[in-house]
């Protein structure tokens, strides 16, 4: 089994900064799995994270959540 590093980032309404955060992590830890947990964001946090190369998980707590 291949072992690696996973970075999990909780985020809510962070569309303005999540792309930069994901990009910086990918630069610092090439090959790391980056997962953003979108916690009911009303903006496009999930989309911005995905464009930056992260996997996105939507936390379903009854709020709107875009992925």
Protein backbone atom coordinates (compact mmCIF):
# COMPACT_ATOMS: atom_id res chain seq x y z
CA UNK A 1 0.00 0.00 0.00
CA UNK A 2 1.35 3.39 -1.02
CA UNK A 3 1.51 5.91 1.80
CA UNK A 4 1.39 9.64 1.36
CA UNK A 5 0.37 12.91 2.85
CA UNK A 6 -3.18 14.22 2.89
CA UNK A 7 -3.95 17.81 3.81
CA UNK A 8 -7.52 18.52 4.88
CA UNK A 9 -8.70 22.13 4.81
CA UNK A 10 -12.03 23.14 6.36
CA UNK A 11 -13.52 26.13 4.55
CA UNK A 12 -16.68 28.21 4.58
CA UNK A 13 -17.18 31.17 2.26
CA UNK A 14 -13.47 31.36 1.38
CA UNK A 15 -13.74 31.73 -2.40
CA UNK A 16 -11.44 34.76 -2.40
CA UNK A 17 -8.53 32.87 -0.83
CA UNK A 18 -9.00 29.10 -1.14
CA UNK A 19 -7.33 28.87 -4.55
CA UNK A 20 -4.17 30.53 -3.26
CA UNK A 21 -4.12 28.35 -0.13
CA UNK A 22 -4.49 25.14 -2.15
CA UNK A 23 -1.83 26.31 -4.61
CA UNK A 24 0.65 27.07 -1.85
CA UNK A 25 0.12 23.68 -0.21
CA UNK A 26 0.62 21.93 -3.55
CA UNK A 27 3.90 23.84 -4.01
CA UNK A 28 5.15 23.03 -0.51
CA UNK A 29 4.04 19.39 -0.58
CA UNK A 30 4.17 18.16 -4.19
CA UNK A 31 2.24 14.94 -4.56
CA UNK A 32 0.17 15.51 -1.43
CA UNK A 33 -3.56 14.89 -1.59
CA UNK A 34 -5.38 18.15 -0.84
CA UNK A 35 -8.98 17.88 0.35
CA UNK A 36 -11.20 20.89 1.01
CA UNK A 37 -14.24 20.31 3.23
CA UNK A 38 -16.75 22.88 2.04
CA UNK A 39 -18.87 23.60 5.11
CA UNK A 40 -22.06 25.02 3.64
CA UNK A 41 -20.49 27.88 1.69
CA UNK A 42 -22.89 30.27 -0.01
CA UNK A 43 -20.18 31.35 -2.47
CA UNK A 44 -18.10 29.34 -4.97
CA UNK A 45 -15.51 28.08 -2.48
CA UNK A 46 -15.89 24.51 -3.72
CA UNK A 47 -15.44 25.44 -7.38
CA UNK A 48 -12.39 27.59 -6.65
CA UNK A 49 -10.82 24.78 -4.62
CA UNK A 50 -11.45 22.25 -7.40
CA UNK A 51 -9.97 24.58 -10.04
CA UNK A 52 -6.85 24.88 -7.87
CA UNK A 53 -6.50 21.09 -7.83
CA UNK A 54 -8.13 20.03 -4.56
CA UNK A 55 -10.67 17.31 -4.04
CA UNK A 56 -13.82 18.80 -2.53
CA UNK A 57 -16.11 17.21 0.04
CA UNK A 58 -19.37 18.96 0.86
CA UNK A 59 -20.35 19.03 4.53
CA UNK A 60 -24.10 18.64 4.47
CA UNK A 61 -25.53 20.40 7.49
CA UNK A 62 -28.65 21.75 5.90
CA UNK A 63 -26.98 24.90 4.52
CA UNK A 64 -26.38 25.59 0.87
CA UNK A 65 -23.18 24.03 -0.36
CA UNK A 66 -21.60 24.43 -3.78
CA UNK A 67 -19.01 22.02 -5.11
